[in-house]
Amino acid sequence: MLRKKEARVIITFHTTTAAMQTEALFRRQGQEGRLIPVPREITAGCGLAWSAPPACKDTLTAQLREANIAIEEIYELVI
């Protein structure tokens, strides 16, 4: 059965280390989302991205800034 496509915020990273730090941070914070392979519509440095509902975008970016975790780009896609 095919999964229904939905809008997602996709955060990409230059390094795998930053992606793993993000996953650890968001798990501790109880944030919604998960690490995924970078969607084919995007090219990104390390090949991993954080996928979350669009409503989480501002909270996630604020937490990343506060934790001083460098990101590559933020996208909004339907995947």
PDB file of N, CA and C in Angstrom:
ATOM      1  N   MET A   1       0.840  -1.180   0.000  1.00  0.00           N
ATOM      2  CA  MET A   1       0.000   0.000   0.000  1.00  0.00           C
ATOM      3  C   MET A   1       0.893   1.254   0.000  1.00  0.00           C
ATOM      4  N   LEU A   2       0.570   2.195  -0.830  1.00  0.00           N
ATOM      5  CA  LEU A   2       1.345   3.427  -0.915  1.00  0.00           C
ATOM      6  C   LEU A   2       1.028   4.361   0.240  1.00  0.00           C
ATOM      7  N   ARG A   3       2.068   5.017   0.715  1.00  0.00           N
ATOM      8  CA  ARG A   3       1.914   5.984   1.787  1.00  0.00           C
ATOM      9  C   ARG A   3       1.378   7.279   1.198  1.00  0.00           C
ATOM     10  N   LYS A   4       0.447   7.910   1.902  1.00  0.00           N
ATOM     11  CA  LYS A   4      -0.119   9.178   1.463  1.00  0.00           C
ATOM     12  C   LYS A   4       0.920  10.282   1.584  1.00  0.00           C
ATOM     13  N   LYS A   5       1.076  11.087   0.532  1.00  0.00           N
ATOM     14  CA  LYS A   5       2.032  12.197   0.567  1.00  0.00           C
ATOM     15  C   LYS A   5       1.491  13.301   1.464  1.00  0.00           C
ATOM     16  N   GLU A   6       2.419  13.964   2.167  1.00  0.00           N
ATOM     17  CA  GLU A   6       2.022  15.044   3.058  1.00  0.00           C
ATOM     18  C   GLU A   6       3.097  16.112   3.089  1.00  0.00           C
ATOM     19  N   ALA A   7       2.720  17.311   3.493  1.00  0.00           N
ATOM     20  CA  ALA A   7       3.667  18.415   3.609  1.00  0.00           C
ATOM     21  C   ALA A   7       4.607  18.143   4.781  1.00  0.00           C
ATOM     22  N   ARG A   8       5.894  18.410   4.563  1.00  0.00           N
ATOM     23  CA  ARG A   8       6.902  18.203   5.595  1.00  0.00           C
ATOM     24  C   ARG A   8       7.926  19.331   5.528  1.00  0.00           C
ATOM     25  N   VAL A   9       8.484  19.658   6.669  1.00  0.00           N
ATOM     26  CA  VAL A   9       9.661  20.514   6.734  1.00  0.00           C
ATOM     27  C   VAL A   9      10.855  19.575   6.690  1.00  0.00           C
ATOM     28  N   ILE A  10      11.800  19.864   5.808  1.00  0.00           N
ATOM     29  CA  ILE A  10      12.994  19.048   5.649  1.00  0.00           C
ATOM     30  C   ILE A  10      14.203  19.918   5.977  1.00  0.00           C
ATOM     31  N   ILE A  11      14.971  19.503   6.977  1.00  0.00           N
ATOM     32  CA  ILE A  11      16.173  20.234   7.381  1.00  0.00           C
ATOM     33  C   ILE A  11      17.373  19.386   6.965  1.00  0.00           C
ATOM     34  N   THR A  12      18.245  19.974   6.147  1.00  0.00           N
ATOM     35  CA  THR A  12      19.432  19.246   5.681  1.00  0.00           C
ATOM     36  C   THR A  12      20.682  19.736   6.400  1.00  0.00           C
ATOM     37  N   PHE A  13      21.718  18.904   6.348  1.00  0.00           N
ATOM     38  CA  PHE A  13      22.948  19.158   7.095  1.00  0.00           C
ATOM     39  C   PHE A  13      24.165  18.971   6.207  1.00  0.00           C
ATOM     40  N   HIS A  14      25.233  19.689   6.527  1.00  0.00           N
ATOM     41  CA  HIS A  14      26.503  19.522   5.826  1.00  0.00           C
ATOM     42  C   HIS A  14      27.203  18.240   6.258  1.00  0.00           C
ATOM     43  N   THR A  15      27.001  17.850   7.544  1.00  0.00           N
ATOM     44  CA  THR A  15      27.732  16.702   8.086  1.00  0.00           C
ATOM     45  C   THR A  15      26.793  15.705   8.762  1.00  0.00           C
ATOM     46  N   THR A  16      27.227  14.458   8.775  1.00  0.00           N
ATOM     47  CA  THR A  16      26.476  13.421   9.485  1.00  0.00           C
ATOM     48  C   THR A  16      26.459  13.712  10.984  1.00  0.00           C
ATOM     49  N   THR A  17      27.547  14.273  11.491  1.00  0.00           N
ATOM     50  CA  THR A  17      27.618  14.622  12.916  1.00  0.00           C
ATOM     51  C   THR A  17      26.496  15.580  13.297  1.00  0.00           C
ATOM     52  N   ALA A  18      26.271  16.607  12.488  1.00  0.00           N
ATOM     53  CA  ALA A  18      25.196  17.570  12.776  1.00  0.00           C
ATOM     54  C   ALA A  18      23.831  16.894  12.721  1.00  0.00           C
ATOM     55  N   ALA A  19      23.640  15.968  11.785  1.00  0.00           N
ATOM     56  CA  ALA A  19      22.373  15.247  11.695  1.00  0.00           C
ATOM     57  C   ALA A  19      22.141  14.408  12.950  1.00  0.00           C
ATOM     58  N   MET A  20      23.185  13.734  13.421  1.00  0.00           N
ATOM     59  CA  MET A  20      23.056  12.898  14.612  1.00  0.00           C
ATOM     60  C   MET A  20      22.850  13.746  15.869  1.00  0.00           C
ATOM     61  N   GLN A  21      23.518  14.890  15.952  1.00  0.00           N
ATOM     62  CA  GLN A  21      23.314  15.806  17.075  1.00  0.00           C
ATOM     63  C   GLN A  21      21.871  16.309  17.091  1.00  0.00           C
ATOM     64  N   THR A  22      21.341  16.581  15.915  1.00  0.00           N
ATOM     65  CA  THR A  22      19.953  17.044  15.811  1.00  0.00           C
ATOM     66  C   THR A  22      18.995  15.970  16.296  1.00  0.00           C
ATOM     67  N   GLU A  23      19.219  14.737  15.855  1.00  0.00           N
ATOM     68  CA  GLU A  23      18.347  13.650  16.291  1.00  0.00           C
ATOM     69  C   GLU A  23      18.385  13.508  17.815  1.00  0.00           C
ATOM     70  N   ALA A  24      19.568  13.536  18.402  1.00  0.00           N
ATOM     71  CA  ALA A  24      19.695  13.411  19.857  1.00  0.00           C
ATOM     72  C   ALA A  24      18.985  14.568  20.568  1.00  0.00           C
ATOM     73  N   LEU A  25      19.191  15.783  20.081  1.00  0.00           N
ATOM     74  CA  LEU A  25      18.557  16.963  20.679  1.00  0.00           C
ATOM     75  C   LEU A  25      17.040  16.852  20.623  1.00  0.00           C
ATOM     76  N   PHE A  26      16.498  16.574  19.442  1.00  0.00           N
ATOM     77  CA  PHE A  26      15.042  16.537  19.281  1.00  0.00           C
ATOM     78  C   PHE A  26      14.416  15.369  20.025  1.00  0.00           C
ATOM     79  N   ARG A  27      15.115  14.262  20.162  1.00  0.00           N
ATOM     80  CA  ARG A  27      14.591  13.141  20.964  1.00  0.00           C
ATOM     81  C   ARG A  27      14.514  13.556  22.442  1.00  0.00           C
ATOM     82  N   ARG A  28      15.577  14.207  22.940  1.00  0.00           N
ATOM     83  CA  ARG A  28      15.558  14.681  24.336  1.00  0.00           C
ATOM     84  C   ARG A  28      14.426  15.677  24.556  1.00  0.00           C
ATOM     85  N   GLN A  29      14.179  16.527  23.566  1.00  0.00           N
ATOM     86  CA  GLN A  29      13.153  17.575  23.670  1.00  0.00           C
ATOM     87  C   GLN A  29      11.743  17.034  23.414  1.00  0.00           C
ATOM     88  N   GLY A  30      11.637  15.796  22.927  1.00  0.00           N
ATOM     89  CA  GLY A  30      10.331  15.216  22.617  1.00  0.00           C
ATOM     90  C   GLY A  30       9.710  15.800  21.349  1.00  0.00           C
ATOM     91  N   GLN A  31      10.560  16.283  20.447  1.00  0.00           N
ATOM     92  CA  GLN A  31      10.058  16.879  19.211  1.00  0.00           C
ATOM     93  C   GLN A  31       9.582  15.813  18.231  1.00  0.00           C
ATOM     94  N   GLU A  32       8.591  16.191  17.473  1.00  0.00           N
ATOM     95  CA  GLU A  32       8.061  15.324  16.439  1.00  0.00           C
ATOM     96  C   GLU A  32       9.015  15.316  15.240  1.00  0.00           C
ATOM     97  N   GLY A  33       9.125  14.183  14.572  1.00  0.00           N
ATOM     98  CA  GLY A  33       9.945  14.087  13.379  1.00  0.00           C
ATOM     99  C   GLY A  33      10.920  12.936  13.465  1.00  0.00           C
ATOM    100  N   ARG A  34      11.732  12.798  12.380  1.00  0.00           N
ATOM    101  CA  ARG A  34      12.710  11.713  12.340  1.00  0.00           C
ATOM    102  C   ARG A  34      13.751  12.002  11.270  1.00  0.00           C
ATOM    103  N   LEU A  35      14.900  11.322  11.396  1.00  0.00           N
ATOM    104  CA  LEU A  35      15.923  11.401  10.367  1.00  0.00           C
ATOM    105  C   LEU A  35      15.492  10.543   9.182  1.00  0.00           C
ATOM    106  N   ILE A  36      15.716  11.071   7.985  1.00  0.00           N
ATOM    107  CA  ILE A  36      15.383  10.355   6.763  1.00  0.00           C
ATOM    108  C   ILE A  36      16.529  10.535   5.759  1.00  0.00           C
ATOM    109  N   PRO A  37      16.592   9.685   4.750  1.00  0.00           N
ATOM    110  CA  PRO A  37      17.512   9.978   3.639  1.00  0.00           C
ATOM    111  C   PRO A  37      17.028  11.258   2.949  1.00  0.00           C
ATOM    112  N   VAL A  38      17.937  12.061   2.458  1.00  0.00           N
ATOM    113  CA  VAL A  38      17.542  13.298   1.778  1.00  0.00           C
ATOM    114  C   VAL A  38      16.672  12.936   0.575  1.00  0.00           C
ATOM    115  N   PRO A  39      15.483  13.563   0.456  1.00  0.00           N
ATOM    116  CA  PRO A  39      14.628  13.294  -0.713  1.00  0.00           C
ATOM    117  C   PRO A  39      15.355  13.609  -2.013  1.00  0.00           C
ATOM    118  N   ARG A  40      15.019  12.902  -3.058  1.00  0.00           N
ATOM    119  CA  ARG A  40      15.731  13.059  -4.334  1.00  0.00           C
ATOM    120  C   ARG A  40      15.541  14.436  -4.960  1.00  0.00           C
ATOM    121  N   GLU A  41      14.523  15.178  -4.539  1.00  0.00           N
ATOM    122  CA  GLU A  41      14.306  16.535  -5.047  1.00  0.00           C
ATOM    123  C   GLU A  41      15.367  17.519  -4.546  1.00  0.00           C
ATOM    124  N   ILE A  42      16.130  17.101  -3.549  1.00  0.00           N
ATOM    125  CA  ILE A  42      17.104  17.967  -2.884  1.00  0.00           C
ATOM    126  C   ILE A  42      18.487  17.323  -2.990  1.00  0.00           C
ATOM    127  N   THR A  43      19.514  18.138  -3.090  1.00  0.00           N
ATOM    128  CA  THR A  43      20.871  17.624  -2.915  1.00  0.00           C
ATOM    129  C   THR A  43      21.409  18.222  -1.621  1.00  0.00           C
ATOM    130  N   ALA A  44      22.033  17.387  -0.815  1.00  0.00           N
ATOM    131  CA  ALA A  44      22.548  17.865   0.468  1.00  0.00           C
ATOM    132  C   ALA A  44      23.842  17.152   0.801  1.00  0.00           C
ATOM    133  N   GLY A  45      24.634  17.818   1.622  1.00  0.00           N
ATOM    134  CA  GLY A  45      25.968  17.358   1.959  1.00  0.00           C
ATOM    135  C   GLY A  45      26.081  15.948   2.483  1.00  0.00           C
ATOM    136  N   CYS A  46      25.379  15.614   3.555  1.00  0.00           N
ATOM    137  CA  CYS A  46      25.653  14.339   4.219  1.00  0.00           C
ATOM    138  C   CYS A  46      24.679  13.228   3.841  1.00  0.00           C
ATOM    139  N   GLY A  47      23.604  13.543   3.153  1.00  0.00           N
ATOM    140  CA  GLY A  47      22.652  12.508   2.760  1.00  0.00           C
ATOM    141  C   GLY A  47      21.557  12.236   3.771  1.00  0.00           C
ATOM    142  N   LEU A  48      21.589  12.908   4.932  1.00  0.00           N
ATOM    143  CA  LEU A  48      20.543  12.751   5.951  1.00  0.00           C
ATOM    144  C   LEU A  48      19.823  14.071   6.148  1.00  0.00           C
ATOM    145  N   ALA A  49      18.544  13.974   6.505  1.00  0.00           N
ATOM    146  CA  ALA A  49      17.735  15.167   6.752  1.00  0.00           C
ATOM    147  C   ALA A  49      16.754  14.874   7.877  1.00  0.00           C
ATOM    148  N   TRP A  50      16.315  15.923   8.550  1.00  0.00           N
ATOM    149  CA  TRP A  50      15.275  15.794   9.572  1.00  0.00           C
ATOM    150  C   TRP A  50      13.956  16.147   8.911  1.00  0.00           C
ATOM    151  N   SER A  51      12.969  15.296   9.071  1.00  0.00           N
ATOM    152  CA  SER A  51      11.638  15.506   8.509  1.00  0.00           C
ATOM    153  C   SER A  51      10.650  15.681   9.653  1.00  0.00           C
ATOM    154  N   ALA A  52       9.841  16.753   9.570  1.00  0.00           N
ATOM    155  CA  ALA A  52       8.873  17.048  10.625  1.00  0.00           C
ATOM    156  C   ALA A  52       7.663  17.754  10.020  1.00  0.00           C
ATOM    157  N   PRO A  53       6.551  17.816  10.755  1.00  0.00           N
ATOM    158  CA  PRO A  53       5.391  18.559  10.274  1.00  0.00           C
ATOM    159  C   PRO A  53       5.714  20.055  10.134  1.00  0.00           C
ATOM    160  N   PRO A  54       5.122  20.722   9.152  1.00  0.00           N
ATOM    161  CA  PRO A  54       5.396  22.145   8.925  1.00  0.00           C
ATOM    162  C   PRO A  54       5.155  23.024  10.152  1.00  0.00           C
ATOM    163  N   ALA A  55       4.218  22.675  10.985  1.00  0.00           N
ATOM    164  CA  ALA A  55       3.908  23.482  12.169  1.00  0.00           C
ATOM    165  C   ALA A  55       5.077  23.543  13.155  1.00  0.00           C
ATOM    166  N   CYS A  56       6.017  22.620  13.051  1.00  0.00           N
ATOM    167  CA  CYS A  56       7.164  22.555  13.970  1.00  0.00           C
ATOM    168  C   CYS A  56       8.334  23.427  13.534  1.00  0.00           C
ATOM    169  N   LYS A  57       8.295  23.985  12.344  1.00  0.00           N
ATOM    170  CA  LYS A  57       9.449  24.660  11.740  1.00  0.00           C
ATOM    171  C   LYS A  57      10.090  25.703  12.662  1.00  0.00           C
ATOM    172  N   ASP A  58       9.325  26.640  13.182  1.00  0.00           N
ATOM    173  CA  ASP A  58       9.893  27.716  13.999  1.00  0.00           C
ATOM    174  C   ASP A  58      10.524  27.183  15.278  1.00  0.00           C
ATOM    175  N   THR A  59       9.863  26.243  15.929  1.00  0.00           N
ATOM    176  CA  THR A  59      10.389  25.656  17.159  1.00  0.00           C
ATOM    177  C   THR A  59      11.691  24.910  16.895  1.00  0.00           C
ATOM    178  N   LEU A  60      11.703  24.115  15.834  1.00  0.00           N
ATOM    179  CA  LEU A  60      12.903  23.334  15.512  1.00  0.00           C
ATOM    180  C   LEU A  60      14.077  24.241  15.178  1.00  0.00           C
ATOM    181  N   THR A  61      13.854  25.252  14.366  1.00  0.00           N
ATOM    182  CA  THR A  61      14.962  26.134  13.993  1.00  0.00           C
ATOM    183  C   THR A  61      15.482  26.903  15.205  1.00  0.00           C
ATOM    184  N   ALA A  62      14.597  27.300  16.102  1.00  0.00           N
ATOM    185  CA  ALA A  62      15.032  27.999  17.322  1.00  0.00           C
ATOM    186  C   ALA A  62      15.877  27.070  18.196  1.00  0.00           C
ATOM    187  N   GLN A  63      15.468  25.824  18.331  1.00  0.00           N
ATOM    188  CA  GLN A  63      16.222  24.872  19.145  1.00  0.00           C
ATOM    189  C   GLN A  63      17.586  24.571  18.529  1.00  0.00           C
ATOM    190  N   LEU A  64      17.648  24.463  17.212  1.00  0.00           N
ATOM    191  CA  LEU A  64      18.936  24.228  16.541  1.00  0.00           C
ATOM    192  C   LEU A  64      19.867  25.417  16.735  1.00  0.00           C
ATOM    193  N   ARG A  65      19.328  26.614  16.617  1.00  0.00           N
ATOM    194  CA  ARG A  65      20.134  27.828  16.807  1.00  0.00           C
ATOM    195  C   ARG A  65      20.663  27.880  18.240  1.00  0.00           C
ATOM    196  N   GLU A  66      19.782  27.604  19.197  1.00  0.00           N
ATOM    197  CA  GLU A  66      20.170  27.638  20.611  1.00  0.00           C
ATOM    198  C   GLU A  66      21.243  26.587  20.926  1.00  0.00           C
ATOM    199  N   ALA A  67      21.148  25.417  20.295  1.00  0.00           N
ATOM    200  CA  ALA A  67      22.110  24.336  20.528  1.00  0.00           C
ATOM    201  C   ALA A  67      23.368  24.513  19.674  1.00  0.00           C
ATOM    202  N   ASN A  68      23.373  25.542  18.832  1.00  0.00           N
ATOM    203  CA  ASN A  68      24.525  25.838  17.973  1.00  0.00           C
ATOM    204  C   ASN A  68      24.851  24.675  17.030  1.00  0.00           C
ATOM    205  N   ILE A  69      23.795  24.071  16.460  1.00  0.00           N
ATOM    206  CA  ILE A  69      23.954  23.000  15.478  1.00  0.00           C
ATOM    207  C   ILE A  69      23.783  23.613  14.095  1.00  0.00           C
ATOM    208  N   ALA A  70      24.817  23.455  13.276  1.00  0.00           N
ATOM    209  CA  ALA A  70      24.795  24.043  11.934  1.00  0.00           C
ATOM    210  C   ALA A  70      23.939  23.208  10.988  1.00  0.00           C
ATOM    211  N   ILE A  71      23.072  23.885  10.253  1.00  0.00           N
ATOM    212  CA  ILE A  71      22.263  23.214   9.241  1.00  0.00           C
ATOM    213  C   ILE A  71      22.681  23.715   7.867  1.00  0.00           C
ATOM    214  N   GLU A  72      22.279  22.976   6.860  1.00  0.00           N
ATOM    215  CA  GLU A  72      22.568  23.377   5.484  1.00  0.00           C
ATOM    216  C   GLU A  72      21.426  24.233   4.946  1.00  0.00           C
ATOM    217  N   GLU A  73      20.196  23.688   4.975  1.00  0.00           N
ATOM    218  CA  GLU A  73      19.047  24.382   4.399  1.00  0.00           C
ATOM    219  C   GLU A  73      17.760  23.848   5.022  1.00  0.00           C
ATOM    220  N   ILE A  74      16.691  24.638   4.906  1.00  0.00           N
ATOM    221  CA  ILE A  74      15.357  24.213   5.335  1.00  0.00           C
ATOM    222  C   ILE A  74      14.445  24.285   4.123  1.00  0.00           C
ATOM    223  N   TYR A  75      13.726  23.199   3.877  1.00  0.00           N
ATOM    224  CA  TYR A  75      12.798  23.111   2.751  1.00  0.00           C
ATOM    225  C   TYR A  75      11.411  22.767   3.257  1.00  0.00           C
ATOM    226  N   GLU A  76      10.414  23.121   2.475  1.00  0.00           N
ATOM    227  CA  GLU A  76       9.060  22.637   2.717  1.00  0.00           C
ATOM    228  C   GLU A  76       8.648  21.893   1.466  1.00  0.00           C
ATOM    229  N   LEU A  77       8.410  20.581   1.618  1.00  0.00           N
ATOM    230  CA  LEU A  77       8.090  19.707   0.495  1.00  0.00           C
ATOM    231  C   LEU A  77       6.877  18.863   0.798  1.00  0.00           C
ATOM    232  N   VAL A  78       6.259  18.361  -0.257  1.00  0.00           N
ATOM    233  CA  VAL A  78       5.239  17.334  -0.098  1.00  0.00           C
ATOM    234  C   VAL A  78       5.892  16.026  -0.505  1.00  0.00           C
ATOM    235  N   ILE A  79       6.069  15.162   0.493  1.00  0.00           N
ATOM    236  CA  ILE A  79       6.742  13.874   0.243  1.00  0.00           C
ATOM    237  C   ILE A  79       5.920  12.726   0.804  1.00  0.00           C
TER     238      ILE A  79
END
